[in-house]
Amino acid sequence: MSGFSDWGDCLEPLLRDARFRAELLDQLEDDGERLVAALVANKPLSEVELEKVDEALRDAYDFLAEQVVCLDWYSCSPMGGDGASWILGFADVYWFCSSDWENEGPFESLDDALGASSSFSMATENASLKSSHVSDDTLLSIAESVCPYDSTIYVNGTEYRHGEDGLVSTEDDEEGNNKDAEEEDDVDEDDDIDEDDEVDEDGEVDEDGEEDADED
């Protein structure tokens, strides 16, 4: 179990944030001003005080943090196996949380939080990835790591298939297949011209197989 010391360099940006500082004071109640002042001045605290501050830091963070990215999955097995992993973030401080892995944090970067376990990199069937905070490129990179070859994954509601060209939207893939089919149909129609039909000098088809003759 992590303790106060695990906050490390993550403590400074949190204490600089006015919202976090106000929430931390509320969590610490009557002793808040003294303890926060001690933290800012880097003054030593007793073990009991450190435990109290650590608990207050976690409660304040949990209250303010937002879900940055979430990966969930479901199992077709009657035994279940559904689960999820997600990253919380606030003031550029991140925490890895999961139904299947131990929670880890805090981290100074999103990449560090994503790498806290294999959850965001191991092949996972029937997965869905969601985020309104992470760039599309980052999301698709995570999705490509998670989605097994020739399987599908949903990214912000859009279904992608992992194939030879990486992740391709199944909608785009279907449109491409339809276009190929239409082109094949056009070729077949051209080939359907009767073998007996001939084209005259003006480019017109003589269905009788005879060329137009000039009148005398």
Protein backbone atom coordinates (compact mmCIF):
# COMPACT_ATOMS: atom_id res chain seq x y z
CA MET A 1 0.00 0.00 0.00
CA SER A 2 1.36 3.40 -0.95
CA GLY A 3 1.82 6.23 1.56
CA PHE A 4 2.55 9.92 1.76
CA SER A 5 6.06 9.52 0.36
CA ASP A 6 4.63 8.26 -2.93
CA TRP A 7 3.28 11.70 -3.76
CA GLY A 8 6.84 12.91 -4.31
CA ASP A 9 7.17 15.54 -7.03
CA CYS A 10 3.43 15.27 -7.78
CA LEU A 11 2.65 17.15 -4.59
CA GLU A 12 3.97 20.51 -5.77
CA PRO A 13 1.67 21.00 -8.82
CA LEU A 14 -1.32 19.92 -6.75
CA LEU A 15 -0.60 22.41 -3.97
CA ARG A 16 -0.17 25.18 -6.56
CA ASP A 17 -3.69 24.53 -7.85
CA ALA A 18 -6.21 26.75 -6.03
CA ARG A 19 -9.07 24.26 -6.34
CA PHE A 20 -7.02 21.38 -5.00
CA ARG A 21 -5.63 23.43 -2.15
CA ALA A 22 -9.11 24.56 -1.11
CA GLU A 23 -10.43 20.99 -1.21
CA LEU A 24 -7.43 19.75 0.76
CA LEU A 25 -8.10 22.36 3.46
CA ASP A 26 -11.69 21.15 3.66
CA GLN A 27 -10.55 17.54 4.01
CA LEU A 28 -8.07 18.42 6.77
CA GLU A 29 -10.70 20.49 8.62
CA ASP A 30 -9.46 22.50 11.61
CA ASP A 31 -5.84 21.43 11.22
CA GLY A 32 -5.77 22.24 7.52
CA GLU A 33 -4.02 25.62 7.50
CA ARG A 34 -1.17 24.45 9.71
CA LEU A 35 -0.61 21.17 7.88
CA VAL A 36 -0.77 22.70 4.39
CA ALA A 37 1.63 25.46 5.46
CA ALA A 38 4.00 22.77 6.71
CA LEU A 39 3.76 20.93 3.40
CA VAL A 40 4.47 24.08 1.40
CA ALA A 41 7.45 24.94 3.61
CA ASN A 42 8.62 21.32 3.52
CA LYS A 43 8.61 21.12 7.30
CA PRO A 44 8.70 17.69 9.01
CA LEU A 45 5.45 16.14 10.20
CA SER A 46 4.78 13.27 12.59
CA GLU A 47 3.77 9.84 11.32
CA VAL A 48 0.21 10.44 12.48
CA GLU A 49 0.10 13.78 10.67
CA LEU A 50 1.56 12.28 7.50
CA GLU A 51 -1.11 9.57 7.50
CA LYS A 52 -3.79 12.20 7.95
CA VAL A 53 -2.35 14.33 5.13
CA ASP A 54 -2.00 11.31 2.84
CA GLU A 55 -5.66 10.37 3.34
CA ALA A 56 -6.76 13.97 2.77
CA LEU A 57 -4.64 14.20 -0.40
CA ARG A 58 -6.29 11.08 -1.80
CA ASP A 59 -9.78 12.22 -0.93
CA ALA A 60 -9.18 15.68 -2.47
CA TYR A 61 -7.69 14.14 -5.59
CA ASP A 62 -10.52 11.62 -6.01
CA PHE A 63 -13.06 14.42 -5.62
CA LEU A 64 -11.48 16.66 -8.30
CA ALA A 65 -9.90 14.22 -10.75
CA GLU A 66 -11.58 13.38 -14.06
CA GLN A 67 -11.41 10.22 -16.08
CA VAL A 68 -8.85 10.84 -18.81
CA VAL A 69 -9.10 7.55 -20.68
CA CYS A 70 -10.96 4.29 -20.09
CA LEU A 71 -10.51 0.79 -21.51
CA ASP A 72 -13.26 -1.70 -20.80
CA TRP A 73 -13.87 -5.22 -22.02
CA TYR A 74 -16.53 -7.88 -21.77
CA SER A 75 -16.43 -11.65 -21.88
CA CYS A 76 -18.75 -13.96 -23.77
CA SER A 77 -18.16 -16.61 -21.13
CA PRO A 78 -21.02 -17.45 -18.73
CA MET A 79 -18.42 -17.13 -15.96
CA GLY A 80 -18.09 -13.43 -16.70
CA GLY A 81 -14.74 -11.71 -17.01
CA ASP A 82 -15.88 -8.16 -17.71
CA GLY A 83 -13.62 -5.40 -16.45
CA ALA A 84 -12.10 -2.00 -17.00
CA SER A 85 -8.96 0.06 -16.49
CA TRP A 86 -8.94 3.85 -16.46
CA ILE A 87 -6.68 6.82 -15.85
CA LEU A 88 -7.66 9.69 -13.59
CA GLY A 89 -6.09 13.09 -14.07
CA PHE A 90 -5.97 16.47 -12.38
CA ALA A 91 -3.40 19.30 -12.53
CA ASP A 92 -1.13 17.10 -14.69
CA VAL A 93 -1.06 14.42 -12.01
CA TYR A 94 -2.36 10.98 -13.01
CA TRP A 95 -3.50 7.79 -11.34
CA PHE A 96 -3.97 4.32 -12.82
CA CYS A 97 -7.11 2.51 -11.62
CA SER A 98 -8.53 -0.88 -12.58
CA SER A 99 -10.99 -3.60 -11.71
CA ASP A 100 -8.35 -6.26 -12.39
CA TRP A 101 -5.01 -4.62 -11.50
CA GLU A 102 -3.87 -2.85 -8.37
CA ASN A 103 -4.32 0.91 -8.46
CA GLU A 104 -1.04 2.74 -9.00
CA GLY A 105 0.01 6.35 -8.64
CA PRO A 106 0.45 9.18 -8.59
CA PHE A 107 2.34 9.82 -11.84
CA GLU A 108 3.74 12.98 -13.36
CA SER A 109 2.74 12.06 -16.92
CA LEU A 110 -0.04 10.25 -18.74
CA ASP A 111 2.48 7.94 -20.41
CA ASP A 112 3.77 6.81 -17.02
CA ALA A 113 0.22 6.12 -15.83
CA LEU A 114 -0.59 4.16 -19.01
CA GLY A 115 2.53 2.07 -18.47
CA ALA A 116 1.74 1.29 -14.83
CA SER A 117 0.49 -2.15 -15.87
CA SER A 118 0.07 -4.20 -19.02
CA SER A 119 -3.63 -3.33 -19.16
CA PHE A 120 -3.23 -0.67 -21.85
CA SER A 121 -0.84 -2.73 -23.97
CA MET A 122 -1.85 -6.41 -23.76
CA ALA A 123 -4.12 -8.02 -26.37
CA THR A 124 -7.72 -7.82 -25.18
CA GLU A 125 -10.77 -9.21 -26.98
CA ASN A 126 -14.11 -7.36 -27.09
CA ALA A 127 -12.59 -4.10 -25.88
CA SER A 128 -13.76 -0.52 -26.02
CA LEU A 129 -11.59 2.58 -25.59
CA LYS A 130 -13.02 5.98 -24.66
CA SER A 131 -11.57 9.44 -24.03
CA SER A 132 -12.44 13.10 -24.57
CA HIS A 133 -9.06 14.27 -23.27
CA VAL A 134 -6.54 12.21 -25.24
CA SER A 135 -5.63 12.91 -28.87
CA ASP A 136 -6.95 10.60 -31.60
CA ASP A 137 -3.41 9.53 -32.49
CA THR A 138 -2.70 8.46 -28.91
CA LEU A 139 -6.03 6.64 -28.63
CA LEU A 140 -5.51 4.76 -31.89
CA SER A 141 -1.97 3.84 -30.85
CA ILE A 142 -3.31 2.34 -27.61
CA ALA A 143 -6.12 0.61 -29.51
CA GLU A 144 -3.69 -0.97 -31.97
CA SER A 145 -1.67 -2.40 -29.06
CA VAL A 146 -4.78 -3.74 -27.33
CA CYS A 147 -6.75 -5.08 -30.29
CA PRO A 148 -5.65 -8.57 -31.46
CA TYR A 149 -4.97 -9.06 -35.17
CA ASP A 150 -8.12 -9.58 -37.25
CA SER A 151 -10.29 -8.49 -34.31
CA THR A 152 -12.23 -5.30 -33.72
CA ILE A 153 -12.21 -2.60 -31.07
CA TYR A 154 -14.43 0.41 -30.48
CA VAL A 155 -12.70 3.78 -30.11
CA ASN A 156 -15.05 6.53 -28.96
CA GLY A 157 -17.94 4.59 -30.47
CA THR A 158 -16.31 3.91 -33.86
CA GLU A 159 -15.50 0.30 -34.70
CA TYR A 160 -12.01 -0.48 -36.02
CA ARG A 161 -10.55 -3.71 -37.35
CA HIS A 162 -6.89 -4.60 -36.85
CA GLY A 163 -5.55 -5.83 -40.18
CA GLU A 164 -2.43 -5.74 -42.33
CA ASP A 165 -2.69 -1.95 -42.64
CA GLY A 166 -3.11 -1.47 -38.89
CA LEU A 167 -6.41 -0.17 -37.55
CA VAL A 168 -9.01 0.66 -40.18
CA SER A 169 -12.52 1.88 -39.50
CA THR A 170 -14.94 -0.89 -40.44
CA GLU A 171 -17.13 1.77 -42.07
CA ASP A 172 -14.27 2.93 -44.29
CA ASP A 173 -13.36 -0.69 -44.99
CA GLU A 174 -16.95 -1.43 -46.05
CA GLU A 175 -17.02 1.64 -48.31
CA GLY A 176 -13.77 0.51 -49.90
CA ASN A 177 -15.16 -2.96 -50.52
CA ASN A 178 -18.32 -1.49 -52.06
CA LYS A 179 -16.24 0.70 -54.35
CA ASP A 180 -14.16 -2.28 -55.45
CA ALA A 181 -17.35 -4.23 -56.12
CA GLU A 182 -18.76 -1.38 -58.22
CA GLU A 183 -15.58 -1.19 -60.27
CA GLU A 184 -15.75 -4.95 -60.87
CA ASP A 185 -19.38 -4.58 -61.99
CA ASP A 186 -18.36 -1.84 -64.47
CA VAL A 187 -15.71 -4.14 -65.95
CA ASP A 188 -18.23 -6.98 -66.24
CA GLU A 189 -20.69 -4.71 -68.07
CA ASP A 190 -17.99 -3.77 -70.59
CA ASP A 191 -17.26 -7.44 -71.17
CA ASP A 192 -20.95 -8.13 -71.76
CA ILE A 193 -20.92 -6.50 -75.22
CA ASP A 194 -22.06 -9.17 -77.66
CA GLU A 195 -19.14 -10.81 -79.37
CA ASP A 196 -20.93 -10.36 -82.71
CA ASP A 197 -21.27 -6.61 -82.24
CA GLU A 198 -18.83 -4.52 -84.21
CA VAL A 199 -17.99 -0.85 -84.04
CA ASP A 200 -18.17 1.21 -87.21
CA GLU A 201 -15.84 4.02 -88.16
CA ASP A 202 -18.06 6.55 -86.33
CA GLY A 203 -17.76 4.56 -83.11
CA GLU A 204 -21.32 3.20 -83.33
CA VAL A 205 -22.16 -0.41 -82.64
CA ASP A 206 -23.57 -2.32 -85.57
CA GLU A 207 -25.69 -4.95 -83.84
CA ASP A 208 -25.95 -6.96 -87.05
CA GLY A 209 -22.18 -7.35 -87.16
CA GLU A 210 -22.06 -5.47 -90.47
CA GLU A 211 -20.40 -2.20 -91.17
CA ASP A 212 -22.49 0.63 -92.58
CA ALA A 213 -21.90 0.87 -96.29
CA ASP A 214 -21.82 4.14 -98.19
CA GLU A 215 -24.76 4.58 -100.48
CA ASP A 216 -23.90 4.62 -104.15
